[in-house]
């Protein structure tokens, strides 16, 4: 398969570029009353999550509200301590992937996150290889809302059909597809690379950056 006219590749962060321990933390707290899919659907709809990840409430306020909303078997402070550690780190293939993509296409990070986790994300070295960054807590919009994607496309000055979007959330992918983006649900950077190769947007062999040198960050 080959897509012509693609101008940009949009990456979610957690689950696509970075490994998360969210499920290992959260599923036991809900007492396994919910399946993995049900848990994430509740998380996506949660007023507390939406307020926190659009920068409207503090981490302390969020922890109290989410514990009450989901009926979690833990005190807010204890939940927050575990929540701080949800991001494990980039997948082994992440840095090479984003360098290869940024050398050929406009890149964007499109992520639902909060001020609590932002310093962690900054420390992973992903942002210097992104031409655009759309963090939900900074822009006051959140996936899978239509206005989040409208904001991204408008600021990048691209049409939906000119973007390829990777996310691990079925809800986010469904909305992106509804809006006309070339959206794919993937888990991990290796899966994202495989899809880009199938689309003809990357060569089959990685560039080998990190072995023979490094590409400078985007200026």
N, C-alpha and C. Protein backbone atom coordinates (compact mmCIF):
# COMPACT_ATOMS: atom_id res chain seq x y z
N UNK A 1 0.85 -1.20 0.00
CA UNK A 1 0.00 0.00 0.00
C UNK A 1 0.88 1.24 0.00
N UNK A 2 0.49 2.24 -0.74
CA UNK A 2 1.26 3.46 -0.82
C UNK A 2 0.32 4.66 -0.77
N UNK A 3 0.63 5.60 0.11
CA UNK A 3 -0.18 6.81 0.22
C UNK A 3 0.58 7.97 -0.40
N UNK A 4 -0.05 8.64 -1.35
CA UNK A 4 0.56 9.82 -1.93
C UNK A 4 -0.03 11.05 -1.26
N UNK A 5 0.72 12.11 -1.20
CA UNK A 5 0.23 13.36 -0.64
C UNK A 5 0.32 13.46 0.87
N UNK A 6 1.01 12.52 1.52
CA UNK A 6 1.16 12.60 2.97
C UNK A 6 2.19 13.66 3.32
N UNK A 7 1.80 14.56 4.20
CA UNK A 7 2.71 15.62 4.62
C UNK A 7 3.20 15.47 6.06
N UNK A 8 2.47 14.71 6.88
CA UNK A 8 2.82 14.67 8.30
C UNK A 8 2.51 13.31 8.92
N UNK A 9 3.30 12.96 9.92
CA UNK A 9 3.07 11.75 10.70
C UNK A 9 2.88 12.17 12.15
N UNK A 10 1.74 11.79 12.72
CA UNK A 10 1.36 12.19 14.08
C UNK A 10 1.46 10.99 15.00
N UNK A 11 2.17 11.16 16.11
CA UNK A 11 2.38 10.07 17.06
C UNK A 11 1.74 10.37 18.41
N UNK A 12 0.96 9.43 18.92
CA UNK A 12 0.62 9.41 20.33
C UNK A 12 1.91 9.07 21.10
N UNK A 13 1.92 9.35 22.39
CA UNK A 13 3.12 9.05 23.18
C UNK A 13 2.99 7.71 23.90
N UNK A 14 2.20 7.67 24.99
CA UNK A 14 2.07 6.44 25.76
C UNK A 14 1.43 5.32 24.96
N UNK A 15 2.10 4.18 24.91
CA UNK A 15 1.59 3.02 24.19
C UNK A 15 2.10 2.93 22.77
N UNK A 16 2.56 4.05 22.20
CA UNK A 16 3.10 4.06 20.84
C UNK A 16 4.60 4.31 20.87
N UNK A 17 5.01 5.39 21.52
CA UNK A 17 6.43 5.71 21.61
C UNK A 17 7.03 5.32 22.96
N UNK A 18 6.19 5.15 23.97
CA UNK A 18 6.69 4.83 25.31
C UNK A 18 5.85 3.74 25.95
N UNK A 19 6.51 2.93 26.73
CA UNK A 19 5.84 1.86 27.48
C UNK A 19 5.19 2.44 28.73
N UNK A 20 3.99 1.95 29.03
CA UNK A 20 3.27 2.38 30.22
C UNK A 20 3.05 1.21 31.18
N UNK A 21 2.99 1.54 32.46
CA UNK A 21 2.59 0.54 33.45
C UNK A 21 1.21 0.87 34.02
N UNK A 22 0.44 1.62 33.24
CA UNK A 22 -0.86 2.09 33.71
C UNK A 22 -1.80 0.94 34.07
N UNK A 23 -1.88 -0.05 33.20
CA UNK A 23 -2.82 -1.15 33.45
C UNK A 23 -2.42 -1.97 34.66
N UNK A 24 -1.13 -2.17 34.84
CA UNK A 24 -0.65 -2.94 35.99
C UNK A 24 -0.99 -2.22 37.30
N UNK A 25 -1.05 -0.90 37.24
CA UNK A 25 -1.40 -0.11 38.42
C UNK A 25 -2.90 -0.01 38.62
N UNK A 26 -3.62 0.27 37.54
CA UNK A 26 -5.04 0.62 37.68
C UNK A 26 -5.99 -0.57 37.76
N UNK A 27 -5.73 -1.60 36.97
CA UNK A 27 -6.66 -2.74 36.96
C UNK A 27 -6.85 -3.37 38.35
N UNK A 28 -5.78 -3.62 39.10
CA UNK A 28 -6.00 -4.16 40.45
C UNK A 28 -6.79 -3.22 41.36
N UNK A 29 -6.65 -1.91 41.14
CA UNK A 29 -7.36 -0.95 41.99
C UNK A 29 -8.86 -0.94 41.74
N UNK A 30 -9.26 -1.29 40.52
CA UNK A 30 -10.70 -1.38 40.25
C UNK A 30 -11.21 -2.78 40.57
N UNK A 31 -10.34 -3.60 41.15
CA UNK A 31 -10.73 -4.93 41.58
C UNK A 31 -11.07 -5.85 40.44
N UNK A 32 -10.50 -5.56 39.27
CA UNK A 32 -10.77 -6.34 38.06
C UNK A 32 -12.26 -6.43 37.76
N UNK A 33 -13.00 -5.39 38.19
CA UNK A 33 -14.43 -5.31 37.87
C UNK A 33 -14.63 -4.98 36.40
N UNK A 34 -13.61 -4.39 35.80
CA UNK A 34 -13.70 -3.96 34.41
C UNK A 34 -12.64 -4.67 33.58
N UNK A 35 -12.96 -4.92 32.32
CA UNK A 35 -11.95 -5.43 31.40
C UNK A 35 -11.00 -4.30 31.05
N UNK A 36 -9.92 -4.64 30.38
CA UNK A 36 -8.95 -3.62 29.94
C UNK A 36 -9.65 -2.56 29.09
N UNK A 37 -10.47 -3.00 28.13
CA UNK A 37 -11.15 -2.08 27.24
C UNK A 37 -12.16 -1.21 27.99
N UNK A 38 -12.90 -1.82 28.92
CA UNK A 38 -13.88 -1.06 29.71
C UNK A 38 -13.20 -0.03 30.60
N UNK A 39 -12.06 -0.41 31.16
CA UNK A 39 -11.32 0.51 32.03
C UNK A 39 -10.88 1.75 31.26
N UNK A 40 -10.33 1.54 30.06
CA UNK A 40 -9.85 2.68 29.28
C UNK A 40 -11.00 3.52 28.76
N UNK A 41 -12.14 2.89 28.48
CA UNK A 41 -13.31 3.65 28.05
C UNK A 41 -13.79 4.55 29.19
N UNK A 42 -13.80 4.03 30.42
CA UNK A 42 -14.18 4.83 31.59
C UNK A 42 -13.18 5.95 31.81
N UNK A 43 -11.91 5.65 31.64
CA UNK A 43 -10.85 6.65 31.81
C UNK A 43 -11.04 7.79 30.80
N UNK A 44 -11.31 7.43 29.57
CA UNK A 44 -11.47 8.44 28.52
C UNK A 44 -12.65 9.36 28.78
N UNK A 45 -13.73 8.83 29.37
CA UNK A 45 -14.93 9.61 29.63
C UNK A 45 -14.89 10.36 30.96
N UNK A 46 -13.96 10.00 31.82
CA UNK A 46 -13.93 10.52 33.18
C UNK A 46 -13.83 12.04 33.23
N UNK A 47 -14.74 12.72 33.93
CA UNK A 47 -14.62 14.18 34.10
C UNK A 47 -13.31 14.58 34.78
N UNK A 48 -12.85 13.78 35.74
CA UNK A 48 -11.60 14.10 36.44
C UNK A 48 -10.41 14.01 35.50
N UNK A 49 -10.36 12.96 34.70
CA UNK A 49 -9.25 12.80 33.75
C UNK A 49 -9.27 13.94 32.74
N UNK A 50 -10.43 14.23 32.21
CA UNK A 50 -10.53 15.28 31.19
C UNK A 50 -10.13 16.65 31.77
N UNK A 51 -10.54 16.93 33.00
CA UNK A 51 -10.17 18.20 33.62
C UNK A 51 -8.67 18.26 33.89
N UNK A 52 -8.11 17.19 34.39
CA UNK A 52 -6.67 17.17 34.71
C UNK A 52 -5.83 17.26 33.44
N UNK A 53 -6.20 16.52 32.41
CA UNK A 53 -5.37 16.47 31.21
C UNK A 53 -5.65 17.62 30.24
N UNK A 54 -6.54 18.51 30.62
CA UNK A 54 -6.68 19.77 29.89
C UNK A 54 -6.23 20.95 30.74
N UNK A 55 -5.56 20.66 31.85
CA UNK A 55 -4.95 21.70 32.67
C UNK A 55 -5.89 22.48 33.55
N UNK A 56 -7.09 21.93 33.82
CA UNK A 56 -8.09 22.69 34.58
C UNK A 56 -8.04 22.43 36.08
N UNK A 57 -7.48 21.29 36.50
CA UNK A 57 -7.37 20.99 37.93
C UNK A 57 -5.97 20.47 38.23
N UNK A 58 -5.59 20.54 39.49
CA UNK A 58 -4.27 20.10 39.93
C UNK A 58 -4.23 18.58 40.05
N UNK A 59 -3.02 18.06 40.20
CA UNK A 59 -2.85 16.61 40.40
C UNK A 59 -3.53 16.16 41.69
N UNK A 60 -3.45 16.97 42.74
CA UNK A 60 -4.08 16.61 44.01
C UNK A 60 -5.60 16.56 43.87
N UNK A 61 -6.17 17.55 43.19
CA UNK A 61 -7.61 17.53 42.95
C UNK A 61 -8.00 16.32 42.11
N UNK A 62 -7.22 16.04 41.08
CA UNK A 62 -7.49 14.91 40.21
C UNK A 62 -7.50 13.60 40.98
N UNK A 63 -6.51 13.38 41.83
CA UNK A 63 -6.42 12.10 42.52
C UNK A 63 -7.63 11.87 43.41
N UNK A 64 -8.10 12.91 44.09
CA UNK A 64 -9.29 12.75 44.91
C UNK A 64 -10.53 12.45 44.10
N UNK A 65 -10.67 13.14 42.97
CA UNK A 65 -11.85 12.96 42.14
C UNK A 65 -11.86 11.59 41.44
N UNK A 66 -10.72 11.15 40.93
CA UNK A 66 -10.71 9.89 40.18
C UNK A 66 -10.90 8.70 41.11
N UNK A 67 -10.39 8.79 42.33
CA UNK A 67 -10.61 7.71 43.30
C UNK A 67 -12.10 7.58 43.60
N UNK A 68 -12.79 8.71 43.74
CA UNK A 68 -14.23 8.69 44.01
C UNK A 68 -15.01 8.21 42.79
N UNK A 69 -14.64 8.71 41.61
CA UNK A 69 -15.36 8.34 40.38
C UNK A 69 -15.32 6.84 40.12
N UNK A 70 -14.14 6.26 40.22
CA UNK A 70 -13.95 4.85 39.86
C UNK A 70 -14.12 3.91 41.06
N UNK A 71 -14.35 4.48 42.24
CA UNK A 71 -14.51 3.64 43.42
C UNK A 71 -13.26 2.84 43.71
N UNK A 72 -12.10 3.49 43.61
CA UNK A 72 -10.84 2.77 43.76
C UNK A 72 -10.58 2.42 45.23
N UNK A 73 -9.96 1.28 45.42
CA UNK A 73 -9.68 0.78 46.77
C UNK A 73 -8.34 1.31 47.28
N UNK A 74 -8.18 2.64 47.28
CA UNK A 74 -6.92 3.24 47.67
C UNK A 74 -7.16 4.70 48.01
N UNK A 75 -6.33 5.25 48.88
CA UNK A 75 -6.44 6.67 49.22
C UNK A 75 -5.90 7.51 48.07
N UNK A 76 -6.41 8.74 47.90
CA UNK A 76 -5.95 9.60 46.81
C UNK A 76 -4.43 9.78 46.76
N UNK A 77 -3.79 9.99 47.90
CA UNK A 77 -2.34 10.20 47.91
C UNK A 77 -1.61 8.96 47.44
N UNK A 78 -2.11 7.80 47.81
CA UNK A 78 -1.46 6.55 47.37
C UNK A 78 -1.67 6.33 45.88
N UNK A 79 -2.88 6.65 45.40
CA UNK A 79 -3.11 6.54 43.96
C UNK A 79 -2.16 7.45 43.20
N UNK A 80 -2.01 8.68 43.66
CA UNK A 80 -1.17 9.65 42.97
C UNK A 80 0.29 9.21 42.93
N UNK A 81 0.75 8.57 44.00
CA UNK A 81 2.12 8.08 44.03
C UNK A 81 2.36 7.05 42.94
N UNK A 82 1.39 6.17 42.72
CA UNK A 82 1.52 5.18 41.66
C UNK A 82 1.33 5.79 40.28
N UNK A 83 0.41 6.74 40.19
CA UNK A 83 0.13 7.41 38.91
C UNK A 83 1.36 8.15 38.39
N UNK A 84 2.15 8.73 39.27
CA UNK A 84 3.37 9.44 38.87
C UNK A 84 4.31 8.54 38.06
N UNK A 85 4.27 7.25 38.33
CA UNK A 85 5.21 6.30 37.72
C UNK A 85 4.62 5.51 36.56
N UNK A 86 3.54 6.01 35.98
CA UNK A 86 2.90 5.28 34.88
C UNK A 86 3.79 5.14 33.65
N UNK A 87 4.64 6.11 33.38
CA UNK A 87 5.47 6.07 32.18
C UNK A 87 6.77 5.34 32.49
N UNK A 88 6.99 4.21 31.83
CA UNK A 88 8.20 3.42 32.05
C UNK A 88 9.38 4.04 31.31
N UNK A 89 9.18 4.34 30.03
CA UNK A 89 10.23 4.91 29.20
C UNK A 89 9.99 4.58 27.74
N UNK A 90 10.78 5.16 26.85
CA UNK A 90 10.60 4.90 25.41
C UNK A 90 10.89 3.44 25.07
N UNK A 91 10.17 2.92 24.08
CA UNK A 91 10.49 1.60 23.55
C UNK A 91 11.88 1.64 22.91
N UNK A 92 12.51 0.49 22.82
CA UNK A 92 13.87 0.42 22.27
C UNK A 92 13.96 0.99 20.86
N UNK A 93 12.88 0.88 20.10
CA UNK A 93 12.88 1.32 18.70
C UNK A 93 12.47 2.79 18.52
N UNK A 94 12.08 3.46 19.60
CA UNK A 94 11.45 4.77 19.47
C UNK A 94 12.36 5.83 18.86
N UNK A 95 13.55 6.01 19.39
CA UNK A 95 14.39 7.11 18.94
C UNK A 95 14.81 6.96 17.48
N UNK A 96 15.13 5.76 17.08
CA UNK A 96 15.49 5.55 15.69
C UNK A 96 14.29 5.81 14.78
N UNK A 97 13.12 5.39 15.22
CA UNK A 97 11.91 5.62 14.43
C UNK A 97 11.65 7.10 14.21
N UNK A 98 11.64 7.89 15.28
CA UNK A 98 11.27 9.29 15.12
C UNK A 98 12.34 10.07 14.35
N UNK A 99 13.60 9.66 14.47
CA UNK A 99 14.65 10.31 13.67
C UNK A 99 14.46 10.01 12.19
N UNK A 100 14.16 8.75 11.89
CA UNK A 100 13.94 8.37 10.48
C UNK A 100 12.74 9.10 9.90
N UNK A 101 11.66 9.19 10.66
CA UNK A 101 10.45 9.85 10.16
C UNK A 101 10.68 11.35 10.02
N UNK A 102 11.32 11.96 11.01
CA UNK A 102 11.54 13.41 10.97
C UNK A 102 12.45 13.83 9.83
N UNK A 103 13.29 12.91 9.35
CA UNK A 103 14.17 13.22 8.23
C UNK A 103 13.41 13.26 6.91
N UNK A 104 12.19 12.69 6.88
CA UNK A 104 11.43 12.56 5.64
C UNK A 104 10.09 13.29 5.65
N UNK A 105 9.51 13.47 6.83
CA UNK A 105 8.17 14.01 6.94
C UNK A 105 8.09 14.97 8.12
N UNK A 106 7.07 15.81 8.12
CA UNK A 106 6.77 16.62 9.29
C UNK A 106 6.23 15.71 10.38
N UNK A 107 6.73 15.90 11.59
CA UNK A 107 6.31 15.05 12.71
C UNK A 107 5.56 15.86 13.75
N UNK A 108 4.67 15.18 14.48
CA UNK A 108 3.96 15.84 15.57
C UNK A 108 3.70 14.84 16.69
N UNK A 109 3.85 15.30 17.91
CA UNK A 109 3.46 14.53 19.07
C UNK A 109 2.07 14.97 19.47
N UNK A 110 1.12 14.05 19.50
CA UNK A 110 -0.27 14.36 19.83
C UNK A 110 -0.67 13.49 21.01
N UNK A 111 -0.63 14.06 22.19
CA UNK A 111 -0.73 13.24 23.39
C UNK A 111 -1.65 13.85 24.44
N UNK A 112 -2.42 12.99 25.08
CA UNK A 112 -3.17 13.37 26.28
C UNK A 112 -2.24 13.18 27.47
N UNK A 113 -1.92 14.26 28.15
CA UNK A 113 -1.04 14.16 29.31
C UNK A 113 -1.27 15.35 30.21
N UNK A 114 -0.55 15.38 31.32
CA UNK A 114 -0.74 16.42 32.32
C UNK A 114 0.60 17.07 32.68
N UNK A 115 0.51 18.16 33.42
CA UNK A 115 1.72 18.83 33.89
C UNK A 115 2.54 17.91 34.79
N UNK A 116 1.88 16.97 35.45
CA UNK A 116 2.59 16.04 36.33
C UNK A 116 3.57 15.17 35.56
N UNK A 117 3.17 14.70 34.38
CA UNK A 117 4.00 13.79 33.60
C UNK A 117 4.89 14.49 32.57
N UNK A 118 4.63 15.77 32.32
CA UNK A 118 5.35 16.45 31.25
C UNK A 118 6.87 16.47 31.44
N UNK A 119 7.39 16.75 32.64
CA UNK A 119 8.85 16.71 32.82
C UNK A 119 9.45 15.34 32.51
N UNK A 120 8.69 14.29 32.77
CA UNK A 120 9.16 12.93 32.46
C UNK A 120 9.27 12.76 30.95
N UNK A 121 8.25 13.20 30.23
CA UNK A 121 8.26 13.10 28.77
C UNK A 121 9.41 13.92 28.19
N UNK A 122 9.60 15.12 28.71
CA UNK A 122 10.68 15.98 28.22
C UNK A 122 12.04 15.31 28.38
N UNK A 123 12.21 14.56 29.44
CA UNK A 123 13.51 13.95 29.74
C UNK A 123 13.86 12.79 28.82
N UNK A 124 12.90 12.28 28.06
CA UNK A 124 13.14 11.10 27.24
C UNK A 124 13.78 11.41 25.89
N UNK A 125 13.93 12.68 25.53
CA UNK A 125 14.61 13.03 24.30
C UNK A 125 13.80 12.85 23.03
N UNK A 126 12.49 12.77 23.15
CA UNK A 126 11.61 12.61 21.99
C UNK A 126 11.28 13.96 21.35
N UNK A 127 11.07 14.97 22.17
CA UNK A 127 10.57 16.25 21.68
C UNK A 127 11.49 16.94 20.67
N UNK A 128 12.81 16.85 20.80
CA UNK A 128 13.66 17.53 19.80
C UNK A 128 13.48 17.03 18.38
N UNK A 129 12.86 15.87 18.21
CA UNK A 129 12.66 15.31 16.87
C UNK A 129 11.21 15.43 16.41
N UNK A 130 10.46 16.31 17.09
CA UNK A 130 9.09 16.60 16.71
C UNK A 130 9.00 18.04 16.18
N UNK A 131 8.44 18.21 15.00
CA UNK A 131 8.25 19.55 14.46
C UNK A 131 7.14 20.30 15.19
N UNK A 132 6.16 19.54 15.69
CA UNK A 132 5.02 20.13 16.41
C UNK A 132 4.73 19.28 17.64
N UNK A 133 4.28 19.92 18.70
CA UNK A 133 3.90 19.21 19.94
C UNK A 133 2.53 19.71 20.38
N UNK A 134 1.60 18.78 20.57
CA UNK A 134 0.24 19.12 21.01
C UNK A 134 -0.08 18.30 22.26
N UNK A 135 0.32 18.82 23.41
CA UNK A 135 0.03 18.17 24.69
C UNK A 135 -1.30 18.70 25.21
N UNK A 136 -2.19 17.82 25.58
CA UNK A 136 -3.56 18.21 25.92
C UNK A 136 -3.61 19.26 27.03
N UNK A 137 -2.76 19.12 28.04
CA UNK A 137 -2.83 20.06 29.16
C UNK A 137 -2.36 21.46 28.75
N UNK A 138 -1.59 21.55 27.68
CA UNK A 138 -1.10 22.84 27.21
C UNK A 138 -2.08 23.53 26.27
N UNK A 139 -2.83 22.74 25.51
CA UNK A 139 -3.74 23.35 24.52
C UNK A 139 -5.20 23.37 24.98
N UNK A 140 -5.48 22.75 26.13
CA UNK A 140 -6.85 22.77 26.66
C UNK A 140 -7.84 21.96 25.85
N UNK A 141 -7.34 20.99 25.10
CA UNK A 141 -8.17 20.09 24.31
C UNK A 141 -7.67 18.67 24.51
N UNK A 142 -8.54 17.68 24.30
CA UNK A 142 -8.18 16.31 24.62
C UNK A 142 -8.74 15.35 23.58
N UNK A 143 -7.96 14.33 23.24
CA UNK A 143 -8.46 13.25 22.39
C UNK A 143 -9.46 12.42 23.20
N UNK A 144 -10.51 11.88 22.63
CA UNK A 144 -10.80 11.83 21.19
C UNK A 144 -11.72 12.94 20.70
N UNK A 145 -11.78 14.07 21.38
CA UNK A 145 -12.69 15.14 20.96
C UNK A 145 -12.32 15.66 19.58
N UNK A 146 -13.35 15.98 18.82
CA UNK A 146 -13.14 16.50 17.47
C UNK A 146 -12.31 17.79 17.48
N UNK A 147 -12.54 18.64 18.49
CA UNK A 147 -11.83 19.93 18.48
C UNK A 147 -10.33 19.78 18.75
N UNK A 148 -9.94 18.66 19.35
CA UNK A 148 -8.50 18.40 19.50
C UNK A 148 -7.86 18.22 18.13
N UNK A 149 -8.45 17.37 17.32
CA UNK A 149 -7.90 17.10 15.99
C UNK A 149 -8.01 18.33 15.08
N UNK A 150 -9.09 19.07 15.22
CA UNK A 150 -9.23 20.30 14.45
C UNK A 150 -8.11 21.28 14.80
N UNK A 151 -7.77 21.37 16.08
CA UNK A 151 -6.69 22.25 16.52
C UNK A 151 -5.35 21.81 15.91
N UNK A 152 -5.07 20.52 15.95
CA UNK A 152 -3.83 19.98 15.40
C UNK A 152 -3.72 20.28 13.90
N UNK A 153 -4.76 19.92 13.16
CA UNK A 153 -4.73 20.11 11.71
C UNK A 153 -4.63 21.59 11.34
N UNK A 154 -5.37 22.43 12.07
CA UNK A 154 -5.34 23.86 11.79
C UNK A 154 -3.99 24.48 12.04
N UNK A 155 -3.37 24.11 13.15
CA UNK A 155 -2.06 24.66 13.47
C UNK A 155 -0.96 24.14 12.56
N UNK A 156 -1.13 22.94 12.04
CA UNK A 156 -0.14 22.39 11.11
C UNK A 156 -0.43 22.77 9.67
N UNK A 157 -1.61 23.36 9.43
CA UNK A 157 -2.04 23.77 8.10
C UNK A 157 -2.03 22.61 7.11
N UNK A 158 -2.65 21.51 7.53
CA UNK A 158 -2.76 20.33 6.67
C UNK A 158 -4.20 19.84 6.66
N UNK A 159 -4.56 19.14 5.58
CA UNK A 159 -5.86 18.50 5.48
C UNK A 159 -5.80 17.14 6.18
N UNK A 160 -6.94 16.62 6.65
CA UNK A 160 -6.94 15.32 7.30
C UNK A 160 -6.27 14.22 6.47
N UNK A 161 -6.53 14.21 5.16
CA UNK A 161 -5.99 13.16 4.30
C UNK A 161 -4.48 13.26 4.12
N UNK A 162 -3.90 14.37 4.56
CA UNK A 162 -2.46 14.57 4.42
C UNK A 162 -1.69 14.10 5.65
N UNK A 163 -2.40 13.50 6.62
CA UNK A 163 -1.77 13.07 7.87
C UNK A 163 -1.94 11.58 8.09
N UNK A 164 -0.89 10.96 8.62
CA UNK A 164 -0.95 9.61 9.15
C UNK A 164 -0.87 9.72 10.67
N UNK A 165 -1.75 9.03 11.36
CA UNK A 165 -1.87 9.16 12.82
C UNK A 165 -1.78 7.79 13.46
N UNK A 166 -0.93 7.67 14.50
CA UNK A 166 -0.78 6.43 15.25
C UNK A 166 -1.19 6.65 16.70
N UNK A 167 -2.04 5.74 17.20
CA UNK A 167 -2.49 5.79 18.59
C UNK A 167 -2.80 4.37 19.03
N UNK A 168 -2.72 4.11 20.32
CA UNK A 168 -3.08 2.78 20.81
C UNK A 168 -4.52 2.71 21.30
N UNK A 169 -5.22 3.85 21.28
CA UNK A 169 -6.61 3.89 21.75
C UNK A 169 -7.59 3.72 20.60
N UNK A 170 -8.47 2.72 20.66
CA UNK A 170 -9.48 2.56 19.61
C UNK A 170 -10.39 3.79 19.48
N UNK A 171 -10.70 4.44 20.60
CA UNK A 171 -11.57 5.62 20.56
C UNK A 171 -10.91 6.76 19.80
N UNK A 172 -9.62 6.98 20.05
CA UNK A 172 -8.90 8.06 19.37
C UNK A 172 -8.76 7.78 17.88
N UNK A 173 -8.48 6.54 17.55
CA UNK A 173 -8.33 6.15 16.15
C UNK A 173 -9.67 6.28 15.42
N UNK A 174 -10.75 5.88 16.08
CA UNK A 174 -12.07 5.95 15.45
C UNK A 174 -12.44 7.39 15.12
N UNK A 175 -12.21 8.32 16.04
CA UNK A 175 -12.53 9.72 15.77
C UNK A 175 -11.65 10.28 14.66
N UNK A 176 -10.36 9.95 14.69
CA UNK A 176 -9.46 10.44 13.65
C UNK A 176 -9.91 9.95 12.27
N UNK A 177 -10.29 8.70 12.19
CA UNK A 177 -10.77 8.15 10.91
C UNK A 177 -12.06 8.83 10.47
N UNK A 178 -12.94 9.09 11.44
CA UNK A 178 -14.20 9.76 11.12
C UNK A 178 -13.94 11.14 10.51
N UNK A 179 -12.84 11.76 10.95
CA UNK A 179 -12.50 13.09 10.45
C UNK A 179 -11.66 13.06 9.18
N UNK A 180 -11.32 11.86 8.73
CA UNK A 180 -10.62 11.74 7.46
C UNK A 180 -9.12 11.53 7.53
N UNK A 181 -8.56 11.40 8.75
CA UNK A 181 -7.14 11.11 8.87
C UNK A 181 -6.87 9.65 8.53
N UNK A 182 -5.67 9.36 8.09
CA UNK A 182 -5.22 7.99 7.89
C UNK A 182 -4.74 7.48 9.25
N UNK A 183 -5.65 6.91 10.02
CA UNK A 183 -5.38 6.58 11.41
C UNK A 183 -5.22 5.08 11.60
N UNK A 184 -4.24 4.71 12.44
CA UNK A 184 -3.92 3.30 12.67
C UNK A 184 -3.72 3.05 14.16
N UNK A 185 -4.33 1.99 14.64
CA UNK A 185 -4.11 1.59 16.03
C UNK A 185 -2.89 0.69 16.08
N UNK A 186 -1.88 1.10 16.81
CA UNK A 186 -0.66 0.31 16.96
C UNK A 186 -0.25 0.32 18.42
N UNK A 187 0.51 -0.69 18.80
CA UNK A 187 1.09 -0.74 20.14
C UNK A 187 2.59 -0.91 19.98
N UNK A 188 3.32 0.16 20.27
CA UNK A 188 4.77 0.12 20.20
C UNK A 188 5.34 0.74 18.95
N UNK A 189 6.58 1.22 19.08
CA UNK A 189 7.25 1.89 17.97
C UNK A 189 7.55 0.94 16.83
N UNK A 190 7.83 -0.32 17.13
CA UNK A 190 8.12 -1.29 16.07
C UNK A 190 6.90 -1.48 15.18
N UNK A 191 5.72 -1.52 15.78
CA UNK A 191 4.49 -1.67 15.00
C UNK A 191 4.22 -0.43 14.16
N UNK A 192 4.53 0.74 14.70
CA UNK A 192 4.36 1.97 13.93
C UNK A 192 5.29 1.99 12.72
N UNK A 193 6.55 1.58 12.93
CA UNK A 193 7.49 1.51 11.80
C UNK A 193 7.00 0.54 10.74
N UNK A 194 6.52 -0.62 11.15
CA UNK A 194 6.05 -1.62 10.20
C UNK A 194 4.92 -1.05 9.34
N UNK A 195 4.01 -0.30 9.96
CA UNK A 195 2.91 0.29 9.20
C UNK A 195 3.41 1.36 8.25
N UNK A 196 4.37 2.15 8.67
CA UNK A 196 4.93 3.19 7.79
C UNK A 196 5.64 2.58 6.59
N UNK A 197 6.29 1.45 6.80
CA UNK A 197 6.94 0.75 5.68
C UNK A 197 5.87 0.24 4.71
N UNK A 198 4.80 -0.33 5.25
CA UNK A 198 3.72 -0.83 4.39
C UNK A 198 3.08 0.29 3.59
N UNK A 199 3.04 1.48 4.17
CA UNK A 199 2.45 2.64 3.50
C UNK A 199 3.41 3.29 2.52
N UNK A 200 4.65 2.82 2.49
CA UNK A 200 5.63 3.40 1.59
C UNK A 200 6.21 4.71 2.09
N UNK A 201 6.08 4.97 3.39
CA UNK A 201 6.55 6.23 3.97
C UNK A 201 7.92 6.11 4.64
N UNK A 202 8.39 4.89 4.82
CA UNK A 202 9.74 4.63 5.31
C UNK A 202 10.33 3.46 4.53
N UNK A 203 11.65 3.42 4.37
CA UNK A 203 12.28 2.26 3.73
C UNK A 203 12.21 1.04 4.65
N UNK A 204 12.40 -0.12 4.11
CA UNK A 204 12.29 -1.33 4.92
C UNK A 204 13.36 -1.43 5.98
N UNK A 205 14.56 -0.92 5.70
CA UNK A 205 15.65 -0.98 6.66
C UNK A 205 15.77 0.33 7.44
N UNK A 206 15.88 0.25 8.76
CA UNK A 206 16.11 1.47 9.55
C UNK A 206 17.41 2.16 9.13
N UNK A 207 17.51 3.41 9.46
CA UNK A 207 18.66 4.21 9.04
C UNK A 207 19.96 3.78 9.70
N UNK A 208 19.85 3.20 10.90
CA UNK A 208 21.07 2.83 11.62
C UNK A 208 21.63 3.96 12.45
N UNK A 209 20.87 5.06 12.63
CA UNK A 209 21.34 6.14 13.49
C UNK A 209 21.58 5.58 14.89
N UNK A 210 22.63 6.07 15.52
CA UNK A 210 22.99 5.55 16.83
C UNK A 210 24.15 4.60 16.72
N UNK A 211 24.36 4.04 15.50
CA UNK A 211 25.50 3.16 15.27
C UNK A 211 26.60 3.90 14.51
N UNK A 212 26.18 4.71 13.54
CA UNK A 212 27.16 5.41 12.73
C UNK A 212 27.09 6.91 12.93
N UNK A 213 26.38 7.34 13.94
CA UNK A 213 26.23 8.77 14.19
C UNK A 213 24.80 9.11 14.50
N UNK A 214 24.54 10.36 14.77
CA UNK A 214 23.21 10.78 15.15
C UNK A 214 22.75 11.95 14.31
N UNK A 215 21.46 12.04 14.13
CA UNK A 215 20.89 13.16 13.39
C UNK A 215 20.62 14.31 14.35
N UNK A 216 20.97 15.53 14.02
CA UNK A 216 20.74 16.63 14.94
C UNK A 216 19.25 16.85 15.14
N UNK A 217 18.89 17.40 16.30
CA UNK A 217 17.47 17.67 16.54
C UNK A 217 16.94 18.74 15.61
N UNK A 218 15.62 18.78 15.51
CA UNK A 218 14.95 19.78 14.68
C UNK A 218 15.20 21.16 15.28
N UNK A 219 15.54 22.10 14.43
CA UNK A 219 15.80 23.48 14.88
C UNK A 219 14.50 24.29 14.81
